[in-house]
Amino acid sequence: MNKVHVKTGDEVVVINGKYHGQQGKVLAVSPAEGKVIVEGINIITKHVKPRRMGEVGGLVKAESALYADKVQLVCPKCKKPTRVGHAVKDGKKVRVCKKCGAQFE
């Protein structure tokens, strides 16, 4: 089982590639593939065939998955891309910002 450093709902920034520097919210995480789907990033055009009566087909724009190591978490306090550290607070393991020490929810 593979671990991914981001969770669904996290704010991330793309650190390399075509979408370098763009921010978005994580919509889905696939630890088995090591990929994430980020809102508004890596848009592809899919050809959709109508399946039922009355349903329309055509070209649909959708977000595609990209590797999780291409994204970095954005700290809610300092608003900078940061690595994720772990700390134990009140008996629970929590994620913390490596730059300012703020806790991620």
N, C-alpha and C. Protein backbone atom coordinates (compact mmCIF):
# COMPACT_ATOMS: atom_id res chain seq x y z
N MET A 1 0.85 -1.19 0.00
CA MET A 1 0.00 0.00 0.00
C MET A 1 0.89 1.25 0.00
N ASN A 2 0.60 2.17 -0.89
CA ASN A 2 1.40 3.38 -1.02
C ASN A 2 0.76 4.53 -0.26
N LYS A 3 1.60 5.43 0.27
CA LYS A 3 1.10 6.60 0.98
C LYS A 3 1.25 7.83 0.10
N VAL A 4 0.29 8.74 0.21
CA VAL A 4 0.34 10.00 -0.52
C VAL A 4 0.28 11.11 0.52
N HIS A 5 1.07 12.17 0.32
CA HIS A 5 1.20 13.24 1.30
C HIS A 5 0.04 14.23 1.31
N VAL A 6 -0.90 14.10 0.37
CA VAL A 6 -2.05 15.01 0.32
C VAL A 6 -3.34 14.23 0.53
N LYS A 7 -4.37 14.96 0.98
CA LYS A 7 -5.68 14.38 1.20
C LYS A 7 -6.71 15.13 0.35
N THR A 8 -7.86 14.54 0.17
CA THR A 8 -8.94 15.19 -0.55
C THR A 8 -9.34 16.46 0.19
N GLY A 9 -9.46 17.57 -0.56
CA GLY A 9 -9.84 18.86 0.04
C GLY A 9 -8.66 19.77 0.33
N ASP A 10 -7.43 19.26 0.24
CA ASP A 10 -6.24 20.08 0.47
C ASP A 10 -6.03 21.08 -0.66
N GLU A 11 -5.44 22.22 -0.34
CA GLU A 11 -5.05 23.22 -1.34
C GLU A 11 -3.61 22.92 -1.73
N VAL A 12 -3.37 22.72 -3.03
CA VAL A 12 -2.03 22.36 -3.50
C VAL A 12 -1.59 23.28 -4.64
N VAL A 13 -0.27 23.28 -4.90
CA VAL A 13 0.30 24.02 -6.02
C VAL A 13 1.12 23.03 -6.84
N VAL A 14 1.05 23.15 -8.17
CA VAL A 14 1.82 22.28 -9.06
C VAL A 14 3.25 22.82 -9.12
N ILE A 15 4.24 21.94 -8.92
CA ILE A 15 5.62 22.41 -8.81
C ILE A 15 6.44 22.22 -10.08
N ASN A 16 5.94 21.48 -11.07
CA ASN A 16 6.65 21.38 -12.35
C ASN A 16 5.70 20.97 -13.46
N GLY A 17 6.18 21.11 -14.70
CA GLY A 17 5.38 20.71 -15.84
C GLY A 17 4.60 21.86 -16.44
N LYS A 18 3.64 21.51 -17.28
CA LYS A 18 2.84 22.49 -18.03
C LYS A 18 2.05 23.43 -17.12
N TYR A 19 1.60 22.93 -15.99
CA TYR A 19 0.75 23.72 -15.08
C TYR A 19 1.53 24.26 -13.89
N HIS A 20 2.85 24.44 -14.04
CA HIS A 20 3.74 24.91 -12.97
C HIS A 20 3.22 26.22 -12.35
N GLY A 21 3.10 26.24 -11.02
CA GLY A 21 2.71 27.45 -10.29
C GLY A 21 1.22 27.62 -10.09
N GLN A 22 0.40 26.78 -10.73
CA GLN A 22 -1.06 26.93 -10.58
C GLN A 22 -1.53 26.22 -9.32
N GLN A 23 -2.53 26.82 -8.67
CA GLN A 23 -3.07 26.27 -7.43
C GLN A 23 -4.45 25.70 -7.67
N GLY A 24 -4.83 24.73 -6.85
CA GLY A 24 -6.16 24.15 -6.94
C GLY A 24 -6.43 23.26 -5.74
N LYS A 25 -7.66 22.79 -5.66
CA LYS A 25 -8.11 21.96 -4.56
C LYS A 25 -8.09 20.50 -5.02
N VAL A 26 -7.64 19.60 -4.15
CA VAL A 26 -7.59 18.18 -4.49
C VAL A 26 -9.00 17.61 -4.46
N LEU A 27 -9.43 17.04 -5.61
CA LEU A 27 -10.76 16.45 -5.72
C LEU A 27 -10.75 14.97 -5.37
N ALA A 28 -9.68 14.27 -5.76
CA ALA A 28 -9.60 12.82 -5.51
C ALA A 28 -8.13 12.41 -5.39
N VAL A 29 -7.90 11.35 -4.60
CA VAL A 29 -6.56 10.82 -4.41
C VAL A 29 -6.59 9.32 -4.69
N SER A 30 -5.61 8.84 -5.44
CA SER A 30 -5.48 7.42 -5.73
C SER A 30 -4.12 6.94 -5.23
N PRO A 31 -4.04 6.45 -3.99
CA PRO A 31 -2.75 6.01 -3.44
C PRO A 31 -2.15 4.83 -4.20
N ALA A 32 -2.97 3.96 -4.75
CA ALA A 32 -2.47 2.79 -5.47
C ALA A 32 -1.66 3.21 -6.71
N GLU A 33 -2.11 4.25 -7.39
CA GLU A 33 -1.41 4.76 -8.57
C GLU A 33 -0.44 5.88 -8.22
N GLY A 34 -0.59 6.48 -7.03
CA GLY A 34 0.24 7.60 -6.64
C GLY A 34 -0.15 8.87 -7.37
N LYS A 35 -1.45 9.01 -7.69
CA LYS A 35 -1.93 10.15 -8.46
C LYS A 35 -3.01 10.92 -7.72
N VAL A 36 -3.19 12.18 -8.12
CA VAL A 36 -4.24 13.03 -7.57
C VAL A 36 -4.95 13.75 -8.71
N ILE A 37 -6.20 14.14 -8.47
CA ILE A 37 -6.94 14.96 -9.41
C ILE A 37 -7.15 16.31 -8.74
N VAL A 38 -6.68 17.38 -9.41
CA VAL A 38 -6.74 18.73 -8.86
C VAL A 38 -7.71 19.56 -9.68
N GLU A 39 -8.55 20.32 -8.98
CA GLU A 39 -9.58 21.15 -9.62
C GLU A 39 -8.95 22.20 -10.53
N GLY A 40 -9.34 22.19 -11.81
CA GLY A 40 -8.89 23.18 -12.77
C GLY A 40 -7.50 22.95 -13.35
N ILE A 41 -6.87 21.83 -13.01
CA ILE A 41 -5.52 21.53 -13.48
C ILE A 41 -5.57 20.27 -14.36
N ASN A 42 -4.73 20.24 -15.40
CA ASN A 42 -4.61 19.10 -16.31
C ASN A 42 -5.93 18.77 -16.99
N ILE A 43 -6.54 19.78 -17.61
CA ILE A 43 -7.82 19.63 -18.28
C ILE A 43 -7.62 18.88 -19.60
N ILE A 44 -8.46 17.85 -19.81
CA ILE A 44 -8.43 17.10 -21.06
C ILE A 44 -9.81 17.15 -21.70
N THR A 45 -9.87 16.83 -22.99
CA THR A 45 -11.14 16.77 -23.70
C THR A 45 -11.48 15.31 -23.95
N LYS A 46 -12.64 14.89 -23.45
CA LYS A 46 -13.09 13.51 -23.62
C LYS A 46 -14.20 13.47 -24.65
N HIS A 47 -14.20 12.46 -25.50
CA HIS A 47 -15.28 12.23 -26.45
C HIS A 47 -16.29 11.32 -25.77
N VAL A 48 -17.50 11.84 -25.51
CA VAL A 48 -18.51 11.09 -24.78
C VAL A 48 -19.63 10.69 -25.73
N LYS A 49 -19.96 9.42 -25.69
CA LYS A 49 -21.02 8.88 -26.53
C LYS A 49 -22.32 8.84 -25.71
N PRO A 50 -23.45 9.25 -26.30
CA PRO A 50 -24.70 9.19 -25.54
C PRO A 50 -25.07 7.74 -25.25
N ARG A 51 -25.41 7.44 -24.01
CA ARG A 51 -25.71 6.06 -23.61
C ARG A 51 -27.21 5.80 -23.51
N ARG A 52 -27.99 6.78 -23.12
CA ARG A 52 -29.44 6.61 -22.96
C ARG A 52 -30.19 7.52 -23.91
N MET A 53 -31.46 7.25 -24.06
CA MET A 53 -32.31 8.11 -24.89
C MET A 53 -32.36 9.51 -24.30
N GLY A 54 -32.18 10.52 -25.11
CA GLY A 54 -32.25 11.90 -24.64
C GLY A 54 -30.93 12.44 -24.11
N GLU A 55 -29.99 11.58 -23.84
CA GLU A 55 -28.68 12.02 -23.34
C GLU A 55 -27.86 12.54 -24.52
N VAL A 56 -27.14 13.64 -24.28
CA VAL A 56 -26.34 14.22 -25.36
C VAL A 56 -24.89 13.76 -25.24
N GLY A 57 -24.26 13.57 -26.38
CA GLY A 57 -22.86 13.21 -26.41
C GLY A 57 -22.04 14.43 -26.81
N GLY A 58 -20.81 14.21 -27.17
CA GLY A 58 -19.98 15.31 -27.63
C GLY A 58 -18.67 15.39 -26.88
N LEU A 59 -18.07 16.57 -26.92
CA LEU A 59 -16.80 16.79 -26.26
C LEU A 59 -17.02 17.35 -24.86
N VAL A 60 -16.41 16.72 -23.87
CA VAL A 60 -16.56 17.14 -22.47
C VAL A 60 -15.17 17.42 -21.91
N LYS A 61 -15.02 18.56 -21.27
CA LYS A 61 -13.74 18.89 -20.63
C LYS A 61 -13.78 18.38 -19.19
N ALA A 62 -12.69 17.71 -18.78
CA ALA A 62 -12.61 17.14 -17.44
C ALA A 62 -11.17 17.18 -16.94
N GLU A 63 -11.01 17.16 -15.61
CA GLU A 63 -9.68 17.12 -15.01
C GLU A 63 -9.14 15.70 -15.10
N SER A 64 -7.86 15.60 -15.40
CA SER A 64 -7.19 14.30 -15.47
C SER A 64 -6.22 14.20 -14.29
N ALA A 65 -5.85 12.97 -13.97
CA ALA A 65 -4.95 12.74 -12.84
C ALA A 65 -3.52 13.15 -13.18
N LEU A 66 -2.79 13.59 -12.16
CA LEU A 66 -1.37 13.82 -12.31
C LEU A 66 -0.67 13.24 -11.10
N TYR A 67 0.62 12.98 -11.23
CA TYR A 67 1.35 12.33 -10.15
C TYR A 67 1.39 13.21 -8.90
N ALA A 68 1.23 12.56 -7.74
CA ALA A 68 1.18 13.27 -6.46
C ALA A 68 2.50 13.96 -6.13
N ASP A 69 3.61 13.45 -6.66
CA ASP A 69 4.89 14.09 -6.36
C ASP A 69 5.11 15.37 -7.16
N LYS A 70 4.18 15.70 -8.06
CA LYS A 70 4.24 16.95 -8.81
C LYS A 70 3.50 18.08 -8.10
N VAL A 71 2.84 17.78 -6.98
CA VAL A 71 2.10 18.81 -6.25
C VAL A 71 2.68 18.96 -4.85
N GLN A 72 2.54 20.18 -4.32
CA GLN A 72 3.02 20.48 -2.98
C GLN A 72 1.91 21.19 -2.22
N LEU A 73 1.75 20.83 -0.97
CA LEU A 73 0.71 21.40 -0.13
C LEU A 73 0.95 22.88 0.13
N VAL A 74 -0.12 23.67 0.17
CA VAL A 74 -0.03 25.10 0.48
C VAL A 74 -0.46 25.28 1.93
N CYS A 75 0.41 25.93 2.71
CA CYS A 75 0.13 26.15 4.13
C CYS A 75 -1.03 27.15 4.29
N PRO A 76 -1.99 26.85 5.17
CA PRO A 76 -3.12 27.77 5.37
C PRO A 76 -2.73 29.06 6.08
N LYS A 77 -1.61 29.04 6.83
CA LYS A 77 -1.19 30.22 7.58
C LYS A 77 -0.27 31.13 6.76
N CYS A 78 0.84 30.56 6.25
CA CYS A 78 1.81 31.40 5.52
C CYS A 78 1.55 31.46 4.01
N LYS A 79 0.59 30.66 3.51
CA LYS A 79 0.17 30.67 2.10
C LYS A 79 1.31 30.35 1.13
N LYS A 80 2.31 29.56 1.60
CA LYS A 80 3.43 29.18 0.75
C LYS A 80 3.42 27.66 0.55
N PRO A 81 3.94 27.20 -0.61
CA PRO A 81 4.08 25.75 -0.80
C PRO A 81 5.09 25.22 0.22
N THR A 82 4.76 24.09 0.83
CA THR A 82 5.61 23.57 1.88
C THR A 82 5.59 22.05 1.91
N ARG A 83 6.64 21.50 2.52
CA ARG A 83 6.64 20.07 2.78
C ARG A 83 5.82 19.81 4.04
N VAL A 84 5.42 18.57 4.21
CA VAL A 84 4.56 18.22 5.34
C VAL A 84 5.37 17.49 6.39
N GLY A 85 5.27 17.98 7.63
CA GLY A 85 5.88 17.29 8.75
C GLY A 85 4.79 16.69 9.61
N HIS A 86 5.16 15.87 10.56
CA HIS A 86 4.18 15.25 11.46
C HIS A 86 4.58 15.52 12.90
N ALA A 87 3.57 15.74 13.74
CA ALA A 87 3.79 15.97 15.16
C ALA A 87 2.64 15.33 15.94
N VAL A 88 2.89 15.04 17.19
CA VAL A 88 1.85 14.47 18.05
C VAL A 88 1.34 15.56 18.97
N LYS A 89 0.05 15.90 18.82
CA LYS A 89 -0.58 16.91 19.67
C LYS A 89 -1.85 16.33 20.26
N ASP A 90 -1.98 16.39 21.57
CA ASP A 90 -3.13 15.84 22.29
C ASP A 90 -3.35 14.36 21.97
N GLY A 91 -2.25 13.62 21.83
CA GLY A 91 -2.35 12.19 21.57
C GLY A 91 -2.69 11.81 20.15
N LYS A 92 -2.77 12.79 19.25
CA LYS A 92 -3.08 12.52 17.85
C LYS A 92 -1.93 12.96 16.97
N LYS A 93 -1.70 12.19 15.91
CA LYS A 93 -0.67 12.54 14.93
C LYS A 93 -1.28 13.53 13.94
N VAL A 94 -0.68 14.71 13.82
CA VAL A 94 -1.21 15.76 12.94
C VAL A 94 -0.14 16.18 11.94
N ARG A 95 -0.58 16.73 10.81
CA ARG A 95 0.34 17.25 9.80
C ARG A 95 0.65 18.71 10.12
N VAL A 96 1.92 19.09 9.99
CA VAL A 96 2.34 20.46 10.28
C VAL A 96 3.17 20.99 9.12
N CYS A 97 3.17 22.33 8.98
CA CYS A 97 3.95 23.03 7.96
C CYS A 97 5.41 23.02 8.38
N LYS A 98 6.30 22.66 7.45
CA LYS A 98 7.74 22.64 7.74
C LYS A 98 8.32 24.04 7.81
N LYS A 99 7.63 25.05 7.22
CA LYS A 99 8.17 26.42 7.20
C LYS A 99 7.78 27.21 8.44
N CYS A 100 6.48 27.16 8.81
CA CYS A 100 6.04 28.00 9.93
C CYS A 100 5.51 27.19 11.12
N GLY A 101 5.33 25.89 10.96
CA GLY A 101 4.87 25.06 12.07
C GLY A 101 3.37 25.03 12.27
N ALA A 102 2.61 25.66 11.36
CA ALA A 102 1.15 25.68 11.48
C ALA A 102 0.59 24.28 11.24
N GLN A 103 -0.54 24.00 11.88
CA GLN A 103 -1.17 22.69 11.78
C GLN A 103 -2.18 22.68 10.63
N PHE A 104 -2.16 21.61 9.84
CA PHE A 104 -3.16 21.42 8.79
C PHE A 104 -4.37 20.75 9.40
N GLU A 105 -5.58 21.12 8.92
CA GLU A 105 -6.76 20.50 9.48
C GLU A 105 -7.12 19.23 8.74
